[in-house]
Amino acid sequence: MTQTYSAVIRRDGEWWIGCLEEIPGVNAQAHTREELIDDLKSALADILELNRADAMAAMEGEFEEIAISL
């Protein structure tokens, strides 16, 4: 399952800055547009993994993991 996210990016002087609309805390800045996109992907992967780990740690006993699509 592939999920698509929307990034808002802009050039600010010598920097490119951006964030993802759907996931608070996923933001980055870089010297090039390409670096910014790579950094946003990396930040997204990191926060999704942290969220997964937090969700698993909060569960007690047996649980079921399922995929939900919109």
PDB file of N, CA and C in Angstrom:
ATOM      1  N   MET A   1       0.849  -1.173   0.000  1.00  0.00           N
ATOM      2  CA  MET A   1       0.000   0.000   0.000  1.00  0.00           C
ATOM      3  C   MET A   1       0.895   1.236   0.000  1.00  0.00           C
ATOM      4  N   THR A   2       0.694   2.105  -0.937  1.00  0.00           N
ATOM      5  CA  THR A   2       1.457   3.340  -1.035  1.00  0.00           C
ATOM      6  C   THR A   2       0.583   4.512  -0.615  1.00  0.00           C
ATOM      7  N   GLN A   3       1.089   5.320   0.286  1.00  0.00           N
ATOM      8  CA  GLN A   3       0.389   6.511   0.747  1.00  0.00           C
ATOM      9  C   GLN A   3       1.087   7.726   0.153  1.00  0.00           C
ATOM     10  N   THR A   4       0.322   8.698  -0.273  1.00  0.00           N
ATOM     11  CA  THR A   4       0.868   9.930  -0.820  1.00  0.00           C
ATOM     12  C   THR A   4       0.582  11.077   0.147  1.00  0.00           C
ATOM     13  N   TYR A   5       1.569  11.911   0.356  1.00  0.00           N
ATOM     14  CA  TYR A   5       1.435  13.062   1.243  1.00  0.00           C
ATOM     15  C   TYR A   5       1.690  14.334   0.451  1.00  0.00           C
ATOM     16  N   SER A   6       1.169  15.448   0.941  1.00  0.00           N
ATOM     17  CA  SER A   6       1.344  16.741   0.275  1.00  0.00           C
ATOM     18  C   SER A   6       2.378  17.577   1.010  1.00  0.00           C
ATOM     19  N   ALA A   7       3.405  17.987   0.289  1.00  0.00           N
ATOM     20  CA  ALA A   7       4.434  18.854   0.861  1.00  0.00           C
ATOM     21  C   ALA A   7       4.222  20.279   0.370  1.00  0.00           C
ATOM     22  N   VAL A   8       4.389  21.213   1.280  1.00  0.00           N
ATOM     23  CA  VAL A   8       4.375  22.635   0.946  1.00  0.00           C
ATOM     24  C   VAL A   8       5.829  23.082   1.013  1.00  0.00           C
ATOM     25  N   ILE A   9       6.371  23.552  -0.118  1.00  0.00           N
ATOM     26  CA  ILE A   9       7.780  23.939  -0.144  1.00  0.00           C
ATOM     27  C   ILE A   9       7.919  25.332  -0.752  1.00  0.00           C
ATOM     28  N   ARG A  10       9.010  25.997  -0.375  1.00  0.00           N
ATOM     29  CA  ARG A  10       9.312  27.295  -0.984  1.00  0.00           C
ATOM     30  C   ARG A  10      10.786  27.605  -0.808  1.00  0.00           C
ATOM     31  N   ARG A  11      11.256  28.467  -1.665  1.00  0.00           N
ATOM     32  CA  ARG A  11      12.634  28.942  -1.553  1.00  0.00           C
ATOM     33  C   ARG A  11      12.629  30.176  -0.664  1.00  0.00           C
ATOM     34  N   ASP A  12      13.583  30.255   0.248  1.00  0.00           N
ATOM     35  CA  ASP A  12      13.721  31.391   1.155  1.00  0.00           C
ATOM     36  C   ASP A  12      15.191  31.796   1.162  1.00  0.00           C
ATOM     37  N   GLY A  13      15.544  32.711   0.295  1.00  0.00           N
ATOM     38  CA  GLY A  13      16.946  33.105   0.170  1.00  0.00           C
ATOM     39  C   GLY A  13      17.764  31.948  -0.379  1.00  0.00           C
ATOM     40  N   GLU A  14      18.785  31.548   0.379  1.00  0.00           N
ATOM     41  CA  GLU A  14      19.647  30.445  -0.039  1.00  0.00           C
ATOM     42  C   GLU A  14      19.080  29.080   0.343  1.00  0.00           C
ATOM     43  N   TRP A  15      17.970  29.035   1.040  1.00  0.00           N
ATOM     44  CA  TRP A  15      17.416  27.786   1.556  1.00  0.00           C
ATOM     45  C   TRP A  15      16.114  27.417   0.869  1.00  0.00           C
ATOM     46  N   TRP A  16      15.851  26.128   0.842  1.00  0.00           N
ATOM     47  CA  TRP A  16      14.535  25.590   0.520  1.00  0.00           C
ATOM     48  C   TRP A  16      13.963  25.087   1.843  1.00  0.00           C
ATOM     49  N   ILE A  17      12.710  25.447   2.128  1.00  0.00           N
ATOM     50  CA  ILE A  17      12.067  24.989   3.357  1.00  0.00           C
ATOM     51  C   ILE A  17      10.738  24.336   3.004  1.00  0.00           C
ATOM     52  N   GLY A  18      10.313  23.395   3.829  1.00  0.00           N
ATOM     53  CA  GLY A  18       9.052  22.735   3.538  1.00  0.00           C
ATOM     54  C   GLY A  18       8.542  21.907   4.702  1.00  0.00           C
ATOM     55  N   CYS A  19       7.284  21.507   4.582  1.00  0.00           N
ATOM     56  CA  CYS A  19       6.653  20.657   5.579  1.00  0.00           C
ATOM     57  C   CYS A  19       5.571  19.823   4.902  1.00  0.00           C
ATOM     58  N   LEU A  20       5.143  18.772   5.576  1.00  0.00           N
ATOM     59  CA  LEU A  20       4.033  17.967   5.084  1.00  0.00           C
ATOM     60  C   LEU A  20       2.747  18.483   5.705  1.00  0.00           C
ATOM     61  N   GLU A  21       1.715  18.617   4.888  1.00  0.00           N
ATOM     62  CA  GLU A  21       0.439  19.132   5.375  1.00  0.00           C
ATOM     63  C   GLU A  21      -0.226  18.176   6.361  1.00  0.00           C
ATOM     64  N   GLU A  22      -0.121  16.888   6.114  1.00  0.00           N
ATOM     65  CA  GLU A  22      -0.892  15.900   6.866  1.00  0.00           C
ATOM     66  C   GLU A  22      -0.257  15.455   8.178  1.00  0.00           C
ATOM     67  N   ILE A  23       1.043  15.627   8.337  1.00  0.00           N
ATOM     68  CA  ILE A  23       1.745  15.093   9.511  1.00  0.00           C
ATOM     69  C   ILE A  23       2.487  16.234  10.219  1.00  0.00           C
ATOM     70  N   PRO A  24       1.949  16.736  11.328  1.00  0.00           N
ATOM     71  CA  PRO A  24       2.664  17.784  12.061  1.00  0.00           C
ATOM     72  C   PRO A  24       4.049  17.306  12.486  1.00  0.00           C
ATOM     73  N   GLY A  25       5.008  18.186  12.402  1.00  0.00           N
ATOM     74  CA  GLY A  25       6.365  17.853  12.826  1.00  0.00           C
ATOM     75  C   GLY A  25       7.265  17.355  11.723  1.00  0.00           C
ATOM     76  N   VAL A  26       6.702  17.085  10.539  1.00  0.00           N
ATOM     77  CA  VAL A  26       7.544  16.664   9.414  1.00  0.00           C
ATOM     78  C   VAL A  26       7.879  17.926   8.625  1.00  0.00           C
ATOM     79  N   ASN A  27       9.059  18.467   8.896  1.00  0.00           N
ATOM     80  CA  ASN A  27       9.519  19.666   8.204  1.00  0.00           C
ATOM     81  C   ASN A  27      11.022  19.581   8.022  1.00  0.00           C
ATOM     82  N   ALA A  28      11.516  20.394   7.105  1.00  0.00           N
ATOM     83  CA  ALA A  28      12.957  20.339   6.806  1.00  0.00           C
ATOM     84  C   ALA A  28      13.371  21.618   6.094  1.00  0.00           C
ATOM     85  N   GLN A  29      14.677  21.804   6.018  1.00  0.00           N
ATOM     86  CA  GLN A  29      15.265  22.847   5.181  1.00  0.00           C
ATOM     87  C   GLN A  29      16.541  22.303   4.580  1.00  0.00           C
ATOM     88  N   ALA A  30      16.856  22.780   3.383  1.00  0.00           N
ATOM     89  CA  ALA A  30      18.047  22.298   2.676  1.00  0.00           C
ATOM     90  C   ALA A  30      18.481  23.340   1.666  1.00  0.00           C
ATOM     91  N   HIS A  31      19.683  23.158   1.129  1.00  0.00           N
ATOM     92  CA  HIS A  31      20.210  24.111   0.150  1.00  0.00           C
ATOM     93  C   HIS A  31      19.636  23.915  -1.246  1.00  0.00           C
ATOM     94  N   THR A  32      19.164  22.713  -1.554  1.00  0.00           N
ATOM     95  CA  THR A  32      18.571  22.478  -2.875  1.00  0.00           C
ATOM     96  C   THR A  32      17.181  21.868  -2.709  1.00  0.00           C
ATOM     97  N   ARG A  33      16.381  22.015  -3.754  1.00  0.00           N
ATOM     98  CA  ARG A  33      15.025  21.451  -3.762  1.00  0.00           C
ATOM     99  C   ARG A  33      15.077  19.931  -3.611  1.00  0.00           C
ATOM    100  N   GLU A  34      15.996  19.311  -4.319  1.00  0.00           N
ATOM    101  CA  GLU A  34      16.127  17.858  -4.269  1.00  0.00           C
ATOM    102  C   GLU A  34      16.506  17.371  -2.873  1.00  0.00           C
ATOM    103  N   GLU A  35      17.454  18.071  -2.226  1.00  0.00           N
ATOM    104  CA  GLU A  35      17.839  17.721  -0.854  1.00  0.00           C
ATOM    105  C   GLU A  35      16.658  17.880   0.087  1.00  0.00           C
ATOM    106  N   LEU A  36      15.876  18.939  -0.103  1.00  0.00           N
ATOM    107  CA  LEU A  36      14.707  19.173   0.739  1.00  0.00           C
ATOM    108  C   LEU A  36      13.723  18.010   0.620  1.00  0.00           C
ATOM    109  N   ILE A  37      13.433  17.588  -0.588  1.00  0.00           N
ATOM    110  CA  ILE A  37      12.497  16.480  -0.797  1.00  0.00           C
ATOM    111  C   ILE A  37      13.028  15.205  -0.143  1.00  0.00           C
ATOM    112  N   ASP A  38      14.309  14.926  -0.311  1.00  0.00           N
ATOM    113  CA  ASP A  38      14.914  13.758   0.341  1.00  0.00           C
ATOM    114  C   ASP A  38      14.823  13.858   1.865  1.00  0.00           C
ATOM    115  N   ASP A  39      15.084  15.051   2.400  1.00  0.00           N
ATOM    116  CA  ASP A  39      15.022  15.248   3.846  1.00  0.00           C
ATOM    117  C   ASP A  39      13.596  15.097   4.373  1.00  0.00           C
ATOM    118  N   LEU A  40      12.602  15.573   3.612  1.00  0.00           N
ATOM    119  CA  LEU A  40      11.208  15.402   4.023  1.00  0.00           C
ATOM    120  C   LEU A  40      10.817  13.923   4.032  1.00  0.00           C
ATOM    121  N   LYS A  41      11.269  13.176   3.019  1.00  0.00           N
ATOM    122  CA  LYS A  41      10.998  11.734   2.985  1.00  0.00           C
ATOM    123  C   LYS A  41      11.619  11.039   4.184  1.00  0.00           C
ATOM    124  N   SER A  42      12.836  11.405   4.513  1.00  0.00           N
ATOM    125  CA  SER A  42      13.529  10.808   5.652  1.00  0.00           C
ATOM    126  C   SER A  42      12.813  11.153   6.958  1.00  0.00           C
ATOM    127  N   ALA A  43      12.422  12.417   7.114  1.00  0.00           N
ATOM    128  CA  ALA A  43      11.711  12.834   8.329  1.00  0.00           C
ATOM    129  C   ALA A  43      10.371  12.109   8.440  1.00  0.00           C
ATOM    130  N   LEU A  44       9.675  11.924   7.327  1.00  0.00           N
ATOM    131  CA  LEU A  44       8.408  11.193   7.328  1.00  0.00           C
ATOM    132  C   LEU A  44       8.622   9.749   7.761  1.00  0.00           C
ATOM    133  N   ALA A  45       9.617   9.085   7.190  1.00  0.00           N
ATOM    134  CA  ALA A  45       9.898   7.699   7.561  1.00  0.00           C
ATOM    135  C   ALA A  45      10.215   7.597   9.051  1.00  0.00           C
ATOM    136  N   ASP A  46      11.001   8.540   9.568  1.00  0.00           N
ATOM    137  CA  ASP A  46      11.369   8.523  10.990  1.00  0.00           C
ATOM    138  C   ASP A  46      10.146   8.691  11.880  1.00  0.00           C
ATOM    139  N   ILE A  47       9.274   9.657  11.572  1.00  0.00           N
ATOM    140  CA  ILE A  47       8.131   9.911  12.444  1.00  0.00           C
ATOM    141  C   ILE A  47       7.111   8.782  12.365  1.00  0.00           C
ATOM    142  N   LEU A  48       6.945   8.175  11.186  1.00  0.00           N
ATOM    143  CA  LEU A  48       6.024   7.041  11.079  1.00  0.00           C
ATOM    144  C   LEU A  48       6.535   5.856  11.894  1.00  0.00           C
ATOM    145  N   GLU A  49       7.830   5.612  11.867  1.00  0.00           N
ATOM    146  CA  GLU A  49       8.408   4.526  12.651  1.00  0.00           C
ATOM    147  C   GLU A  49       8.262   4.801  14.149  1.00  0.00           C
ATOM    148  N   LEU A  50       8.495   6.038  14.565  1.00  0.00           N
ATOM    149  CA  LEU A  50       8.323   6.391  15.976  1.00  0.00           C
ATOM    150  C   LEU A  50       6.866   6.225  16.405  1.00  0.00           C
ATOM    151  N   ASN A  51       5.933   6.649  15.555  1.00  0.00           N
ATOM    152  CA  ASN A  51       4.512   6.503  15.872  1.00  0.00           C
ATOM    153  C   ASN A  51       4.132   5.028  15.982  1.00  0.00           C
ATOM    154  N   ARG A  52       4.655   4.188  15.071  1.00  0.00           N
ATOM    155  CA  ARG A  52       4.385   2.750  15.138  1.00  0.00           C
ATOM    156  C   ARG A  52       4.913   2.165  16.454  1.00  0.00           C
ATOM    157  N   ALA A  53       6.142   2.525  16.806  1.00  0.00           N
ATOM    158  CA  ALA A  53       6.745   2.006  18.037  1.00  0.00           C
ATOM    159  C   ALA A  53       5.941   2.451  19.254  1.00  0.00           C
ATOM    160  N   ASP A  54       5.492   3.706  19.273  1.00  0.00           N
ATOM    161  CA  ASP A  54       4.679   4.197  20.388  1.00  0.00           C
ATOM    162  C   ASP A  54       3.356   3.444  20.478  1.00  0.00           C
ATOM    163  N   ALA A  55       2.726   3.191  19.334  1.00  0.00           N
ATOM    164  CA  ALA A  55       1.448   2.468  19.323  1.00  0.00           C
ATOM    165  C   ALA A  55       1.625   1.051  19.839  1.00  0.00           C
ATOM    166  N   MET A  56       2.671   0.376  19.411  1.00  0.00           N
ATOM    167  CA  MET A  56       2.932  -0.994  19.870  1.00  0.00           C
ATOM    168  C   MET A  56       3.236  -1.021  21.363  1.00  0.00           C
ATOM    169  N   ALA A  57       3.995  -0.054  21.834  1.00  0.00           N
ATOM    170  CA  ALA A  57       4.353  -0.007  23.248  1.00  0.00           C
ATOM    171  C   ALA A  57       3.128   0.249  24.132  1.00  0.00           C
ATOM    172  N   ALA A  58       2.128   0.944  23.589  1.00  0.00           N
ATOM    173  CA  ALA A  58       0.927   1.262  24.362  1.00  0.00           C
ATOM    174  C   ALA A  58      -0.039   0.084  24.467  1.00  0.00           C
ATOM    175  N   MET A  59       0.104  -0.912  23.607  1.00  0.00           N
ATOM    176  CA  MET A  59      -0.797  -2.058  23.619  1.00  0.00           C
ATOM    177  C   MET A  59      -0.404  -3.028  24.726  1.00  0.00           C
ATOM    178  N   GLU A  60      -1.412  -3.623  25.334  1.00  0.00           N
ATOM    179  CA  GLU A  60      -1.180  -4.632  26.363  1.00  0.00           C
ATOM    180  C   GLU A  60      -1.854  -5.924  25.932  1.00  0.00           C
ATOM    181  N   GLY A  61      -1.235  -7.031  26.223  1.00  0.00           N
ATOM    182  CA  GLY A  61      -1.817  -8.316  25.868  1.00  0.00           C
ATOM    183  C   GLY A  61      -1.770  -8.563  24.370  1.00  0.00           C
ATOM    184  N   GLU A  62      -2.648  -9.458  23.934  1.00  0.00           N
ATOM    185  CA  GLU A  62      -2.693  -9.780  22.506  1.00  0.00           C
ATOM    186  C   GLU A  62      -3.370  -8.654  21.741  1.00  0.00           C
ATOM    187  N   PHE A  63      -2.884  -8.413  20.542  1.00  0.00           N
ATOM    188  CA  PHE A  63      -3.511  -7.411  19.690  1.00  0.00           C
ATOM    189  C   PHE A  63      -3.371  -7.828  18.239  1.00  0.00           C
ATOM    190  N   GLU A  64      -4.145  -7.169  17.418  1.00  0.00           N
ATOM    191  CA  GLU A  64      -4.155  -7.444  15.983  1.00  0.00           C
ATOM    192  C   GLU A  64      -3.753  -6.163  15.248  1.00  0.00           C
ATOM    193  N   GLU A  65      -2.907  -6.290  14.264  1.00  0.00           N
ATOM    194  CA  GLU A  65      -2.523  -5.153  13.442  1.00  0.00           C
ATOM    195  C   GLU A  65      -3.176  -5.323  12.079  1.00  0.00           C
ATOM    196  N   ILE A  66      -3.934  -4.304  11.631  1.00  0.00           N
ATOM    197  CA  ILE A  66      -4.634  -4.367  10.345  1.00  0.00           C
ATOM    198  C   ILE A  66      -4.305  -3.131   9.525  1.00  0.00           C
ATOM    199  N   ALA A  67      -4.449  -3.230   8.214  1.00  0.00           N
ATOM    200  CA  ALA A  67      -4.246  -2.096   7.314  1.00  0.00           C
ATOM    201  C   ALA A  67      -5.596  -1.454   7.019  1.00  0.00           C
ATOM    202  N   ILE A  68      -5.629  -0.132   7.046  1.00  0.00           N
ATOM    203  CA  ILE A  68      -6.838   0.625   6.741  1.00  0.00           C
ATOM    204  C   ILE A  68      -6.514   1.595   5.623  1.00  0.00           C
ATOM    205  N   SER A  69      -7.322   1.610   4.584  1.00  0.00           N
ATOM    206  CA  SER A  69      -7.117   2.516   3.452  1.00  0.00           C
ATOM    207  C   SER A  69      -8.269   3.498   3.367  1.00  0.00           C
ATOM    208  N   LEU A  70      -7.975   4.659   2.874  1.00  0.00           N
ATOM    209  CA  LEU A  70      -9.023   5.658   2.634  1.00  0.00           C
ATOM    210  C   LEU A  70      -9.507   5.566   1.211  1.00  0.00           C
TER     211      LEU A  70
END
